[in-house]
Amino acid sequence: MQFKNLVAALAIAGLATAQTPAAAPTKGSAHINMADIDATISFEKVATGVNVTVTVAKGLTTALQVLPSGFQYHIHEKPVGPNNNCTATGGHQNPTKVNYNTAPCDPKNLASCEVGDLAGKHGNLNGTADGKVASFSYIDTQITFDGDNSIVGRSVVIHNNVTRIACADIVTGAATGGNNTTGGGNTGGDKDKSSATKLAGSLVLSSMVALMMFAF
């Protein structure tokens, strides 16, 4: 009887392991490397929100820039499509359904801004003669790594006026910092960890159930 109770307990433990959700990531980045543009947008959870660091190594030149105000960049709803298809990323991340056509984003009133409108809230990327933009950082209080405002599984797109000129997936977890601009790649290293954990739990559960069948 004690053996049967032990097996039952282990089976319950295996089921719990299989059903335990993985913790949300706390870091991520989008490395854009296409159309002669090399830029990295990094994200890290902090106490007051998410720290965003933008670095442009090349490509955003004043010769390329259409608007005097610079290049816009946003978090988009979906990952990059095959063959660097920036159109496949869908619209801006906008869970609150803000109507951007009614009024532009007001950084002093975040309710007027799309969650993914990083340029609207924190300023455009100003082109330079050599295409490099010095690294800068800011805290965004809207984006998160979980919930409705999560950036996991999304992408970053750079616009020149309304044209999408470059994009990359936001990669989180163990794969953070990797270049992912071909679409269909890993947009969340922690998702892989979660799947592996669930698989391991399922295998444990299956083994325990099999033992129970022989025991009884």
N, C-alpha and C. Protein backbone atom coordinates (compact mmCIF):
# COMPACT_ATOMS: atom_id res chain seq x y z
N MET A 1 0.82 -1.21 0.00
CA MET A 1 0.00 0.00 0.00
C MET A 1 0.86 1.26 0.00
N GLN A 2 1.98 1.23 0.82
CA GLN A 2 2.85 2.38 0.86
C GLN A 2 3.46 2.66 -0.51
N PHE A 3 3.82 1.57 -1.22
CA PHE A 3 4.40 1.74 -2.56
C PHE A 3 3.39 2.39 -3.49
N LYS A 4 2.13 1.95 -3.40
CA LYS A 4 1.08 2.50 -4.25
C LYS A 4 0.87 3.98 -3.95
N ASN A 5 0.91 4.34 -2.66
CA ASN A 5 0.75 5.74 -2.28
C ASN A 5 1.89 6.59 -2.81
N LEU A 6 3.12 6.04 -2.76
CA LEU A 6 4.29 6.75 -3.26
C LEU A 6 4.17 6.99 -4.75
N VAL A 7 3.75 5.95 -5.48
CA VAL A 7 3.61 6.08 -6.92
C VAL A 7 2.56 7.12 -7.25
N ALA A 8 1.45 7.12 -6.52
CA ALA A 8 0.39 8.10 -6.76
C ALA A 8 0.90 9.52 -6.50
N ALA A 9 1.67 9.69 -5.45
CA ALA A 9 2.22 11.01 -5.12
C ALA A 9 3.16 11.50 -6.21
N LEU A 10 4.01 10.58 -6.70
CA LEU A 10 4.93 10.95 -7.76
C LEU A 10 4.18 11.31 -9.04
N ALA A 11 3.10 10.61 -9.31
CA ALA A 11 2.30 10.91 -10.50
C ALA A 11 1.69 12.30 -10.40
N ILE A 12 1.20 12.64 -9.22
CA ILE A 12 0.63 13.98 -9.00
C ILE A 12 1.71 15.04 -9.17
N ALA A 13 2.92 14.76 -8.65
CA ALA A 13 4.03 15.70 -8.79
C ALA A 13 4.38 15.90 -10.26
N GLY A 14 4.37 14.82 -11.03
CA GLY A 14 4.66 14.93 -12.46
C GLY A 14 3.62 15.75 -13.17
N LEU A 15 2.35 15.58 -12.80
CA LEU A 15 1.27 16.36 -13.41
C LEU A 15 1.44 17.84 -13.09
N ALA A 16 1.82 18.14 -11.85
CA ALA A 16 2.02 19.53 -11.45
C ALA A 16 3.15 20.16 -12.25
N THR A 17 4.23 19.38 -12.46
CA THR A 17 5.36 19.89 -13.25
C THR A 17 4.93 20.22 -14.67
N ALA A 18 4.12 19.32 -15.24
CA ALA A 18 3.68 19.51 -16.62
C ALA A 18 2.79 20.72 -16.78
N GLN A 19 2.06 21.08 -15.70
CA GLN A 19 1.10 22.17 -15.81
C GLN A 19 1.61 23.50 -15.28
N THR A 20 2.80 23.52 -14.65
CA THR A 20 3.33 24.76 -14.09
C THR A 20 3.81 25.68 -15.20
N PRO A 21 3.24 26.89 -15.32
CA PRO A 21 3.66 27.81 -16.38
C PRO A 21 5.06 28.36 -16.14
N ALA A 22 5.80 28.59 -17.20
CA ALA A 22 7.13 29.16 -17.08
C ALA A 22 7.04 30.64 -16.73
N ALA A 23 8.03 31.14 -15.98
CA ALA A 23 8.04 32.55 -15.63
C ALA A 23 8.25 33.40 -16.87
N ALA A 24 7.67 34.59 -16.87
CA ALA A 24 7.82 35.50 -18.00
C ALA A 24 9.28 35.94 -18.11
N PRO A 25 9.79 36.15 -19.32
CA PRO A 25 11.17 36.64 -19.47
C PRO A 25 11.31 38.05 -18.93
N THR A 26 12.52 38.47 -18.71
CA THR A 26 12.77 39.83 -18.21
C THR A 26 13.69 40.62 -19.14
N LYS A 27 14.19 39.95 -20.19
CA LYS A 27 15.07 40.63 -21.14
C LYS A 27 14.71 40.20 -22.57
N GLY A 28 15.03 41.06 -23.51
CA GLY A 28 14.82 40.73 -24.92
C GLY A 28 15.49 41.76 -25.80
N SER A 29 15.60 41.45 -27.09
CA SER A 29 16.18 42.41 -28.02
C SER A 29 15.76 42.09 -29.44
N ALA A 30 15.77 43.11 -30.26
CA ALA A 30 15.54 42.96 -31.70
C ALA A 30 16.78 43.46 -32.41
N HIS A 31 17.45 42.57 -33.14
CA HIS A 31 18.65 42.96 -33.88
C HIS A 31 18.27 43.07 -35.35
N ILE A 32 18.17 44.28 -35.84
CA ILE A 32 17.81 44.55 -37.23
C ILE A 32 19.08 44.58 -38.06
N ASN A 33 19.14 43.72 -39.08
CA ASN A 33 20.31 43.66 -39.94
C ASN A 33 19.84 43.36 -41.36
N MET A 34 19.36 44.39 -42.05
CA MET A 34 18.85 44.23 -43.41
C MET A 34 18.82 45.59 -44.09
N ALA A 35 18.77 45.57 -45.41
CA ALA A 35 18.71 46.81 -46.20
C ALA A 35 19.82 47.78 -45.82
N ASP A 36 21.00 47.23 -45.50
CA ASP A 36 22.18 48.01 -45.10
C ASP A 36 21.94 48.81 -43.83
N ILE A 37 21.00 48.35 -43.01
CA ILE A 37 20.73 48.97 -41.71
C ILE A 37 21.08 47.96 -40.62
N ASP A 38 21.86 48.41 -39.64
CA ASP A 38 22.24 47.57 -38.51
C ASP A 38 21.86 48.30 -37.23
N ALA A 39 20.84 47.81 -36.54
CA ALA A 39 20.36 48.47 -35.33
C ALA A 39 19.92 47.42 -34.32
N THR A 40 20.10 47.74 -33.05
CA THR A 40 19.66 46.84 -31.97
C THR A 40 18.81 47.62 -30.98
N ILE A 41 17.64 47.07 -30.71
CA ILE A 41 16.76 47.64 -29.69
C ILE A 41 16.63 46.61 -28.59
N SER A 42 17.13 46.93 -27.41
CA SER A 42 17.15 45.99 -26.29
C SER A 42 16.11 46.39 -25.24
N PHE A 43 15.56 45.37 -24.59
CA PHE A 43 14.53 45.58 -23.57
C PHE A 43 14.92 44.84 -22.30
N GLU A 44 14.75 45.49 -21.16
CA GLU A 44 15.03 44.84 -19.88
C GLU A 44 14.05 45.35 -18.82
N LYS A 45 13.42 44.41 -18.13
CA LYS A 45 12.46 44.77 -17.09
C LYS A 45 13.17 45.41 -15.92
N VAL A 46 12.63 46.54 -15.44
CA VAL A 46 13.15 47.22 -14.26
C VAL A 46 11.95 47.54 -13.36
N ALA A 47 12.24 48.09 -12.20
CA ALA A 47 11.18 48.33 -11.23
C ALA A 47 10.09 49.27 -11.74
N THR A 48 10.48 50.23 -12.57
CA THR A 48 9.53 51.25 -13.02
C THR A 48 8.94 50.99 -14.40
N GLY A 49 9.30 49.87 -15.01
CA GLY A 49 8.78 49.55 -16.35
C GLY A 49 9.76 48.69 -17.12
N VAL A 50 10.02 49.06 -18.35
CA VAL A 50 10.99 48.35 -19.18
C VAL A 50 12.02 49.34 -19.70
N ASN A 51 13.29 49.06 -19.41
CA ASN A 51 14.36 49.91 -19.93
C ASN A 51 14.63 49.54 -21.39
N VAL A 52 14.56 50.53 -22.26
CA VAL A 52 14.77 50.32 -23.69
C VAL A 52 16.08 51.01 -24.10
N THR A 53 16.96 50.29 -24.76
CA THR A 53 18.21 50.85 -25.25
C THR A 53 18.26 50.70 -26.76
N VAL A 54 18.50 51.79 -27.45
CA VAL A 54 18.54 51.80 -28.91
C VAL A 54 19.95 52.13 -29.38
N THR A 55 20.47 51.30 -30.27
CA THR A 55 21.79 51.54 -30.85
C THR A 55 21.71 51.30 -32.36
N VAL A 56 22.16 52.26 -33.13
CA VAL A 56 22.17 52.12 -34.59
C VAL A 56 23.62 52.19 -35.06
N ALA A 57 24.13 51.07 -35.59
CA ALA A 57 25.53 51.01 -36.03
C ALA A 57 25.72 51.59 -37.42
N LYS A 58 24.68 51.47 -38.26
CA LYS A 58 24.79 52.03 -39.60
C LYS A 58 23.42 52.06 -40.28
N GLY A 59 23.33 52.86 -41.34
CA GLY A 59 22.18 52.78 -42.23
C GLY A 59 21.16 53.90 -42.18
N LEU A 60 21.03 54.60 -41.07
CA LEU A 60 20.01 55.66 -40.97
C LEU A 60 20.66 57.01 -41.32
N THR A 61 20.85 57.20 -42.61
CA THR A 61 21.54 58.41 -43.07
C THR A 61 20.55 59.54 -43.35
N THR A 62 21.08 60.76 -43.33
CA THR A 62 20.26 61.91 -43.67
C THR A 62 19.86 61.87 -45.14
N ALA A 63 20.68 61.24 -45.96
CA ALA A 63 20.36 61.11 -47.38
C ALA A 63 19.15 60.20 -47.59
N LEU A 64 18.99 59.19 -46.74
CA LEU A 64 17.86 58.27 -46.83
C LEU A 64 16.60 58.84 -46.19
N GLN A 65 16.78 59.64 -45.17
CA GLN A 65 15.66 60.16 -44.38
C GLN A 65 14.72 61.04 -45.21
N VAL A 66 13.41 60.73 -45.14
CA VAL A 66 12.41 61.49 -45.89
C VAL A 66 11.87 62.66 -45.08
N LEU A 67 11.47 62.38 -43.84
CA LEU A 67 10.88 63.43 -43.01
C LEU A 67 11.96 64.16 -42.21
N PRO A 68 11.83 65.48 -42.05
CA PRO A 68 12.78 66.22 -41.23
C PRO A 68 12.82 65.73 -39.79
N SER A 69 11.71 65.15 -39.34
CA SER A 69 11.61 64.69 -37.95
C SER A 69 12.32 63.37 -37.70
N GLY A 70 12.76 62.68 -38.77
CA GLY A 70 13.53 61.46 -38.58
C GLY A 70 12.77 60.18 -38.92
N PHE A 71 13.35 59.06 -38.50
CA PHE A 71 12.78 57.73 -38.75
C PHE A 71 11.92 57.31 -37.56
N GLN A 72 10.72 56.81 -37.84
CA GLN A 72 9.89 56.28 -36.77
C GLN A 72 10.22 54.80 -36.54
N TYR A 73 9.97 54.33 -35.34
CA TYR A 73 10.14 52.89 -35.06
C TYR A 73 9.09 52.47 -34.04
N HIS A 74 8.55 51.27 -34.24
CA HIS A 74 7.46 50.80 -33.40
C HIS A 74 7.59 49.31 -33.13
N ILE A 75 6.93 48.87 -32.07
CA ILE A 75 6.73 47.44 -31.85
C ILE A 75 5.47 47.05 -32.62
N HIS A 76 5.58 46.00 -33.43
CA HIS A 76 4.44 45.54 -34.22
C HIS A 76 3.85 44.25 -33.65
N GLU A 77 2.63 43.99 -34.03
CA GLU A 77 1.84 42.90 -33.44
C GLU A 77 2.44 41.52 -33.65
N LYS A 78 3.03 41.28 -34.82
CA LYS A 78 3.41 39.92 -35.20
C LYS A 78 4.90 39.83 -35.53
N PRO A 79 5.42 38.62 -35.62
CA PRO A 79 6.82 38.44 -36.03
C PRO A 79 7.03 38.80 -37.49
N VAL A 80 8.30 38.90 -37.87
CA VAL A 80 8.68 39.17 -39.26
C VAL A 80 8.34 37.94 -40.11
N GLY A 81 7.87 38.18 -41.32
CA GLY A 81 7.54 37.08 -42.21
C GLY A 81 8.76 36.53 -42.92
N PRO A 82 8.59 35.45 -43.69
CA PRO A 82 9.71 34.86 -44.44
C PRO A 82 10.37 35.88 -45.36
N ASN A 83 11.68 35.73 -45.54
CA ASN A 83 12.46 36.60 -46.43
C ASN A 83 12.39 38.06 -46.01
N ASN A 84 12.47 38.30 -44.70
CA ASN A 84 12.48 39.67 -44.17
C ASN A 84 11.24 40.47 -44.54
N ASN A 85 10.10 39.82 -44.54
CA ASN A 85 8.85 40.48 -44.91
C ASN A 85 8.33 41.32 -43.74
N CYS A 86 8.61 42.62 -43.79
CA CYS A 86 8.18 43.52 -42.72
C CYS A 86 6.67 43.76 -42.74
N THR A 87 6.04 43.58 -43.88
CA THR A 87 4.59 43.77 -43.98
C THR A 87 3.86 42.73 -43.15
N ALA A 88 4.45 41.55 -43.02
CA ALA A 88 3.81 40.46 -42.27
C ALA A 88 3.71 40.75 -40.77
N THR A 89 4.38 41.79 -40.30
CA THR A 89 4.35 42.10 -38.87
C THR A 89 3.04 42.71 -38.42
N GLY A 90 2.13 43.01 -39.36
CA GLY A 90 0.85 43.58 -39.00
C GLY A 90 0.95 45.02 -38.55
N GLY A 91 -0.02 45.45 -37.77
CA GLY A 91 -0.04 46.83 -37.30
C GLY A 91 0.79 47.03 -36.05
N HIS A 92 0.76 48.26 -35.54
CA HIS A 92 1.47 48.56 -34.29
C HIS A 92 0.82 47.81 -33.13
N GLN A 93 1.62 47.46 -32.14
CA GLN A 93 1.07 46.87 -30.92
C GLN A 93 0.11 47.89 -30.31
N ASN A 94 -1.15 47.54 -30.21
CA ASN A 94 -2.16 48.52 -29.81
C ASN A 94 -3.33 47.82 -29.11
N PRO A 95 -3.07 47.20 -27.96
CA PRO A 95 -4.13 46.44 -27.28
C PRO A 95 -5.28 47.31 -26.79
N THR A 96 -5.05 48.59 -26.59
CA THR A 96 -6.11 49.47 -26.11
C THR A 96 -6.91 50.10 -27.25
N LYS A 97 -6.56 49.74 -28.50
CA LYS A 97 -7.29 50.21 -29.68
C LYS A 97 -7.33 51.74 -29.79
N VAL A 98 -6.20 52.36 -29.54
CA VAL A 98 -6.11 53.81 -29.70
C VAL A 98 -6.24 54.16 -31.18
N ASN A 99 -7.03 55.16 -31.49
CA ASN A 99 -7.19 55.62 -32.88
C ASN A 99 -6.15 56.69 -33.16
N TYR A 100 -5.04 56.26 -33.74
CA TYR A 100 -3.92 57.18 -33.99
C TYR A 100 -4.27 58.24 -35.02
N ASN A 101 -5.25 57.94 -35.88
CA ASN A 101 -5.62 58.90 -36.93
C ASN A 101 -6.41 60.08 -36.37
N THR A 102 -6.98 59.91 -35.19
CA THR A 102 -7.76 60.99 -34.58
C THR A 102 -6.85 62.08 -34.03
N ALA A 103 -5.79 61.66 -33.34
CA ALA A 103 -4.83 62.61 -32.76
C ALA A 103 -3.51 61.89 -32.56
N PRO A 104 -2.40 62.57 -32.76
CA PRO A 104 -1.09 61.93 -32.57
C PRO A 104 -0.82 61.60 -31.11
N CYS A 105 0.12 60.73 -30.90
CA CYS A 105 0.51 60.35 -29.54
C CYS A 105 1.04 61.56 -28.78
N ASP A 106 0.55 61.74 -27.57
CA ASP A 106 1.03 62.80 -26.68
C ASP A 106 1.79 62.13 -25.54
N PRO A 107 3.12 62.25 -25.50
CA PRO A 107 3.91 61.58 -24.46
C PRO A 107 3.49 61.95 -23.05
N LYS A 108 2.83 63.10 -22.90
CA LYS A 108 2.38 63.52 -21.57
C LYS A 108 1.04 62.88 -21.20
N ASN A 109 0.41 62.24 -22.18
CA ASN A 109 -0.86 61.56 -21.97
C ASN A 109 -0.79 60.20 -22.66
N LEU A 110 -0.23 59.22 -21.97
CA LEU A 110 0.03 57.93 -22.60
C LEU A 110 -1.23 57.21 -23.06
N ALA A 111 -2.38 57.61 -22.53
CA ALA A 111 -3.63 57.01 -22.97
C ALA A 111 -3.91 57.32 -24.44
N SER A 112 -3.23 58.35 -24.96
CA SER A 112 -3.41 58.73 -26.36
C SER A 112 -2.46 57.99 -27.29
N CYS A 113 -1.59 57.17 -26.72
CA CYS A 113 -0.53 56.51 -27.50
C CYS A 113 -0.76 55.01 -27.65
N GLU A 114 -0.44 54.50 -28.81
CA GLU A 114 -0.38 53.05 -28.97
C GLU A 114 0.76 52.53 -28.10
N VAL A 115 0.56 51.39 -27.48
CA VAL A 115 1.57 50.83 -26.60
C VAL A 115 2.89 50.65 -27.34
N GLY A 116 2.83 50.21 -28.59
CA GLY A 116 4.05 49.95 -29.34
C GLY A 116 4.66 51.14 -30.05
N ASP A 117 4.07 52.32 -29.88
CA ASP A 117 4.58 53.51 -30.58
C ASP A 117 5.76 54.10 -29.81
N LEU A 118 6.90 53.46 -29.90
CA LEU A 118 8.09 53.92 -29.18
C LEU A 118 8.53 55.29 -29.66
N ALA A 119 8.46 55.53 -30.97
CA ALA A 119 8.88 56.83 -31.50
C ALA A 119 7.95 57.94 -31.04
N GLY A 120 6.65 57.67 -31.03
CA GLY A 120 5.70 58.68 -30.61
C GLY A 120 5.88 59.07 -29.16
N LYS A 121 6.24 58.10 -28.32
CA LYS A 121 6.40 58.36 -26.89
C LYS A 121 7.77 58.89 -26.52
N HIS A 122 8.80 58.48 -27.28
CA HIS A 122 10.17 58.79 -26.86
C HIS A 122 11.01 59.48 -27.93
N GLY A 123 10.41 59.77 -29.09
CA GLY A 123 11.13 60.49 -30.13
C GLY A 123 11.61 59.62 -31.27
N ASN A 124 11.68 60.21 -32.46
CA ASN A 124 12.15 59.49 -33.65
C ASN A 124 13.66 59.29 -33.62
N LEU A 125 14.14 58.49 -34.56
CA LEU A 125 15.58 58.30 -34.75
C LEU A 125 16.06 59.28 -35.82
N ASN A 126 16.87 60.20 -35.44
CA ASN A 126 17.35 61.22 -36.37
C ASN A 126 18.53 60.71 -37.19
N GLY A 127 18.40 60.81 -38.50
CA GLY A 127 19.47 60.36 -39.37
C GLY A 127 20.74 61.19 -39.21
N THR A 128 21.86 60.58 -39.57
CA THR A 128 23.16 61.27 -39.49
C THR A 128 23.89 61.09 -40.82
N ALA A 129 24.95 61.84 -40.99
CA ALA A 129 25.70 61.77 -42.24
C ALA A 129 26.25 60.38 -42.50
N ASP A 130 26.74 59.71 -41.44
CA ASP A 130 27.34 58.38 -41.61
C ASP A 130 26.36 57.24 -41.28
N GLY A 131 25.14 57.60 -40.90
CA GLY A 131 24.13 56.58 -40.63
C GLY A 131 24.15 55.99 -39.24
N LYS A 132 25.10 56.41 -38.41
CA LYS A 132 25.16 55.91 -37.04
C LYS A 132 24.34 56.80 -36.11
N VAL A 133 23.67 56.17 -35.15
CA VAL A 133 22.94 56.92 -34.13
C VAL A 133 23.48 56.49 -32.77
N ALA A 134 23.96 57.45 -32.00
CA ALA A 134 24.54 57.14 -30.70
C ALA A 134 23.53 56.43 -29.81
N SER A 135 24.01 55.46 -29.05
CA SER A 135 23.16 54.69 -28.17
C SER A 135 22.47 55.58 -27.13
N PHE A 136 21.20 55.32 -26.90
CA PHE A 136 20.46 56.05 -25.87
C PHE A 136 19.44 55.12 -25.23
N SER A 137 19.00 55.47 -24.03
CA SER A 137 18.07 54.63 -23.29
C SER A 137 16.95 55.45 -22.66
N TYR A 138 15.86 54.77 -22.37
CA TYR A 138 14.74 55.40 -21.67
C TYR A 138 13.91 54.30 -21.02
N ILE A 139 13.02 54.70 -20.11
CA ILE A 139 12.11 53.76 -19.47
C ILE A 139 10.73 53.91 -20.11
N ASP A 140 10.19 52.79 -20.57
CA ASP A 140 8.81 52.80 -21.08
C ASP A 140 7.93 52.13 -20.02
N THR A 141 6.88 52.83 -19.61
CA THR A 141 6.03 52.34 -18.53
C THR A 141 4.82 51.56 -19.03
N GLN A 142 4.69 51.41 -20.34
CA GLN A 142 3.53 50.69 -20.88
C GLN A 142 3.85 49.25 -21.29
N ILE A 143 4.94 49.05 -22.00
CA ILE A 143 5.25 47.70 -22.47
C ILE A 143 5.66 46.80 -21.32
N THR A 144 5.40 45.50 -21.48
CA THR A 144 5.72 44.51 -20.45
C THR A 144 6.23 43.24 -21.13
N PHE A 145 6.55 42.24 -20.31
CA PHE A 145 6.93 40.93 -20.83
C PHE A 145 5.83 39.89 -20.64
N ASP A 146 4.69 40.33 -20.09
CA ASP A 146 3.55 39.43 -19.96
C ASP A 146 2.26 40.25 -19.98
N GLY A 147 1.13 39.58 -20.09
CA GLY A 147 -0.14 40.28 -20.11
C GLY A 147 -0.46 40.91 -21.46
N ASP A 148 -1.46 41.77 -21.47
CA ASP A 148 -1.93 42.38 -22.72
C ASP A 148 -0.88 43.23 -23.42
N ASN A 149 0.02 43.83 -22.66
CA ASN A 149 1.02 44.72 -23.23
C ASN A 149 2.37 44.04 -23.49
N SER A 150 2.37 42.71 -23.47
CA SER A 150 3.61 41.96 -23.64
C SER A 150 4.22 42.17 -25.02
N ILE A 151 5.55 42.27 -25.05
CA ILE A 151 6.28 42.40 -26.31
C ILE A 151 6.78 41.05 -26.82
N VAL A 152 6.55 39.99 -26.05
CA VAL A 152 7.01 38.66 -26.43
C VAL A 152 6.28 38.18 -27.70
N GLY A 153 7.04 37.68 -28.65
CA GLY A 153 6.45 37.18 -29.88
C GLY A 153 6.15 38.27 -30.90
N ARG A 154 6.62 39.48 -30.65
CA ARG A 154 6.35 40.59 -31.56
C ARG A 154 7.65 41.01 -32.28
N SER A 155 7.64 42.15 -32.91
CA SER A 155 8.79 42.59 -33.69
C SER A 155 8.94 44.10 -33.60
N VAL A 156 10.09 44.59 -34.06
CA VAL A 156 10.34 46.03 -34.15
C VAL A 156 10.53 46.39 -35.62
N VAL A 157 9.86 47.45 -36.05
CA VAL A 157 9.93 47.90 -37.44
C VAL A 157 10.39 49.36 -37.48
N ILE A 158 11.34 49.66 -38.35
CA ILE A 158 11.77 51.04 -38.59
C ILE A 158 11.07 51.54 -39.85
N HIS A 159 10.50 52.73 -39.75
CA HIS A 159 9.78 53.34 -40.86
C HIS A 159 10.54 54.57 -41.37
N ASN A 160 10.45 54.79 -42.68
CA ASN A 160 10.94 56.03 -43.29
C ASN A 160 9.71 56.70 -43.88
N ASN A 161 9.17 57.67 -43.17
CA ASN A 161 7.83 58.19 -43.43
C ASN A 161 6.86 57.04 -43.16
N VAL A 162 6.13 56.54 -44.12
CA VAL A 162 5.22 55.42 -43.86
C VAL A 162 5.78 54.09 -44.36
N THR A 163 6.92 54.13 -45.03
CA THR A 163 7.50 52.92 -45.62
C THR A 163 8.26 52.12 -44.57
N ARG A 164 7.98 50.82 -44.51
CA ARG A 164 8.71 49.94 -43.60
C ARG A 164 10.03 49.55 -44.26
N ILE A 165 11.13 50.02 -43.71
CA ILE A 165 12.41 49.81 -44.38
C ILE A 165 13.27 48.73 -43.74
N ALA A 166 12.98 48.36 -42.48
CA ALA A 166 13.78 47.33 -41.82
C ALA A 166 13.02 46.82 -40.60
N CYS A 167 13.28 45.56 -40.24
CA CYS A 167 12.54 44.97 -39.13
C CYS A 167 13.28 43.76 -38.57
N ALA A 168 12.89 43.34 -37.37
CA ALA A 168 13.44 42.13 -36.76
C ALA A 168 12.53 41.68 -35.64
N ASP A 169 12.54 40.38 -35.37
CA ASP A 169 11.77 39.83 -34.25
C ASP A 169 12.39 40.24 -32.92
N ILE A 170 11.55 40.34 -31.91
CA ILE A 170 12.03 40.52 -30.53
C ILE A 170 12.31 39.13 -29.97
N VAL A 171 13.55 38.89 -29.62
CA VAL A 171 13.97 37.59 -29.11
C VAL A 171 14.18 37.70 -27.60
N THR A 172 13.61 36.77 -26.85
CA THR A 172 13.73 36.83 -25.40
C THR A 172 14.40 35.57 -24.87
N GLY A 173 14.78 35.61 -23.61
CA GLY A 173 15.33 34.43 -22.96
C GLY A 173 16.73 34.10 -23.40
N ALA A 174 17.02 32.79 -23.49
CA ALA A 174 18.37 32.32 -23.77
C ALA A 174 18.89 32.80 -25.11
N ALA A 175 17.96 33.09 -26.05
CA ALA A 175 18.36 33.47 -27.40
C ALA A 175 18.55 34.97 -27.55
N THR A 176 18.40 35.72 -26.45
CA THR A 176 18.50 37.18 -26.52
C THR A 176 19.81 37.62 -27.16
N GLY A 177 19.70 38.59 -28.06
CA GLY A 177 20.88 39.14 -28.71
C GLY A 177 21.16 38.51 -30.05
N GLY A 178 20.49 37.42 -30.36
CA GLY A 178 20.71 36.76 -31.64
C GLY A 178 20.08 37.54 -32.77
N ASN A 179 20.59 37.36 -33.98
CA ASN A 179 20.05 38.05 -35.15
C ASN A 179 18.91 37.24 -35.71
N ASN A 180 17.76 37.84 -35.80
CA ASN A 180 16.60 37.11 -36.31
C ASN A 180 15.81 38.01 -37.23
N THR A 181 16.18 38.03 -38.49
CA THR A 181 15.49 38.90 -39.44
C THR A 181 14.93 38.12 -40.62
N THR A 182 14.97 36.81 -40.54
CA THR A 182 14.51 36.02 -41.67
C THR A 182 13.08 35.56 -41.53
N GLY A 183 12.48 35.78 -40.36
CA GLY A 183 11.09 35.40 -40.14
C GLY A 183 10.97 33.92 -39.87
N GLY A 184 9.97 33.58 -39.06
CA GLY A 184 9.72 32.19 -38.76
C GLY A 184 10.73 31.62 -37.78
N GLY A 185 11.61 32.45 -37.23
CA GLY A 185 12.61 31.97 -36.30
C GLY A 185 12.13 32.02 -34.87
N ASN A 186 13.05 31.84 -33.93
CA ASN A 186 12.71 31.83 -32.52
C ASN A 186 12.48 33.24 -32.04
N THR A 187 11.28 33.54 -31.60
CA THR A 187 10.98 34.86 -31.06
C THR A 187 10.90 34.82 -29.55
N GLY A 188 11.21 33.68 -28.94
CA GLY A 188 11.16 33.60 -27.49
C GLY A 188 11.87 32.38 -26.97
N GLY A 189 13.13 32.58 -26.52
CA GLY A 189 13.88 31.47 -25.98
C GLY A 189 13.18 30.85 -24.79
N ASP A 190 12.46 31.68 -24.00
CA ASP A 190 11.78 31.15 -22.83
C ASP A 190 10.61 30.27 -23.21
N LYS A 191 10.04 30.48 -24.38
CA LYS A 191 8.97 29.59 -24.83
C LYS A 191 9.51 28.19 -25.04
N ASP A 192 10.75 28.10 -25.57
CA ASP A 192 11.37 26.80 -25.77
C ASP A 192 11.60 26.12 -24.42
N LYS A 193 12.05 26.91 -23.43
CA LYS A 193 12.26 26.35 -22.11
C LYS A 193 10.95 25.82 -21.54
N SER A 194 9.89 26.60 -21.74
CA SER A 194 8.59 26.21 -21.23
C SER A 194 8.13 24.91 -21.87
N SER A 195 8.33 24.77 -23.17
CA SER A 195 7.93 23.56 -23.87
C SER A 195 8.72 22.36 -23.36
N ALA A 196 10.02 22.58 -23.14
CA ALA A 196 10.86 21.49 -22.65
C ALA A 196 10.42 21.06 -21.25
N THR A 197 10.08 22.03 -20.41
CA THR A 197 9.63 21.73 -19.06
C THR A 197 8.34 20.93 -19.09
N LYS A 198 7.41 21.36 -19.95
CA LYS A 198 6.14 20.64 -20.05
C LYS A 198 6.34 19.23 -20.57
N LEU A 199 7.27 19.07 -21.53
CA LEU A 199 7.55 17.75 -22.08
C LEU A 199 8.12 16.84 -21.01
N ALA A 200 9.07 17.38 -20.24
CA ALA A 200 9.67 16.59 -19.17
C ALA A 200 8.62 16.17 -18.15
N GLY A 201 7.75 17.10 -17.80
CA GLY A 201 6.69 16.80 -16.85
C GLY A 201 5.75 15.73 -17.38
N SER A 202 5.44 15.83 -18.65
CA SER A 202 4.54 14.85 -19.27
C SER A 202 5.16 13.46 -19.26
N LEU A 203 6.48 13.41 -19.54
CA LEU A 203 7.16 12.12 -19.53
C LEU A 203 7.17 11.51 -18.14
N VAL A 204 7.40 12.35 -17.14
CA VAL A 204 7.37 11.87 -15.76
C VAL A 204 5.99 11.33 -15.43
N LEU A 205 4.96 12.09 -15.82
CA LEU A 205 3.59 11.67 -15.55
C LEU A 205 3.28 10.35 -16.23
N SER A 206 3.68 10.22 -17.49
CA SER A 206 3.40 8.98 -18.22
C SER A 206 4.07 7.79 -17.55
N SER A 207 5.32 8.00 -17.10
CA SER A 207 6.05 6.91 -16.44
C SER A 207 5.37 6.50 -15.14
N MET A 208 4.91 7.49 -14.38
CA MET A 208 4.27 7.19 -13.12
C MET A 208 2.95 6.46 -13.31
N VAL A 209 2.20 6.88 -14.33
CA VAL A 209 0.94 6.20 -14.62
C VAL A 209 1.19 4.75 -15.00
N ALA A 210 2.23 4.52 -15.79
CA ALA A 210 2.57 3.16 -16.20
C ALA A 210 2.92 2.32 -14.97
N LEU A 211 3.69 2.88 -14.05
CA LEU A 211 4.05 2.16 -12.83
C LEU A 211 2.83 1.84 -11.98
N MET A 212 1.92 2.79 -11.94
CA MET A 212 0.69 2.57 -11.18
C MET A 212 -0.12 1.41 -11.75
N MET A 213 -0.14 1.32 -13.08
CA MET A 213 -0.89 0.26 -13.72
C MET A 213 -0.31 -1.10 -13.36
N PHE A 214 1.03 -1.21 -13.32
CA PHE A 214 1.66 -2.47 -12.95
C PHE A 214 1.48 -2.76 -11.45
N ALA A 215 1.52 -1.67 -10.65
CA ALA A 215 1.43 -1.84 -9.22
C ALA A 215 0.07 -2.33 -8.79
N PHE A 216 -0.97 -1.83 -9.48
CA PHE A 216 -2.32 -2.21 -9.12
C PHE A 216 -2.74 -3.46 -9.89
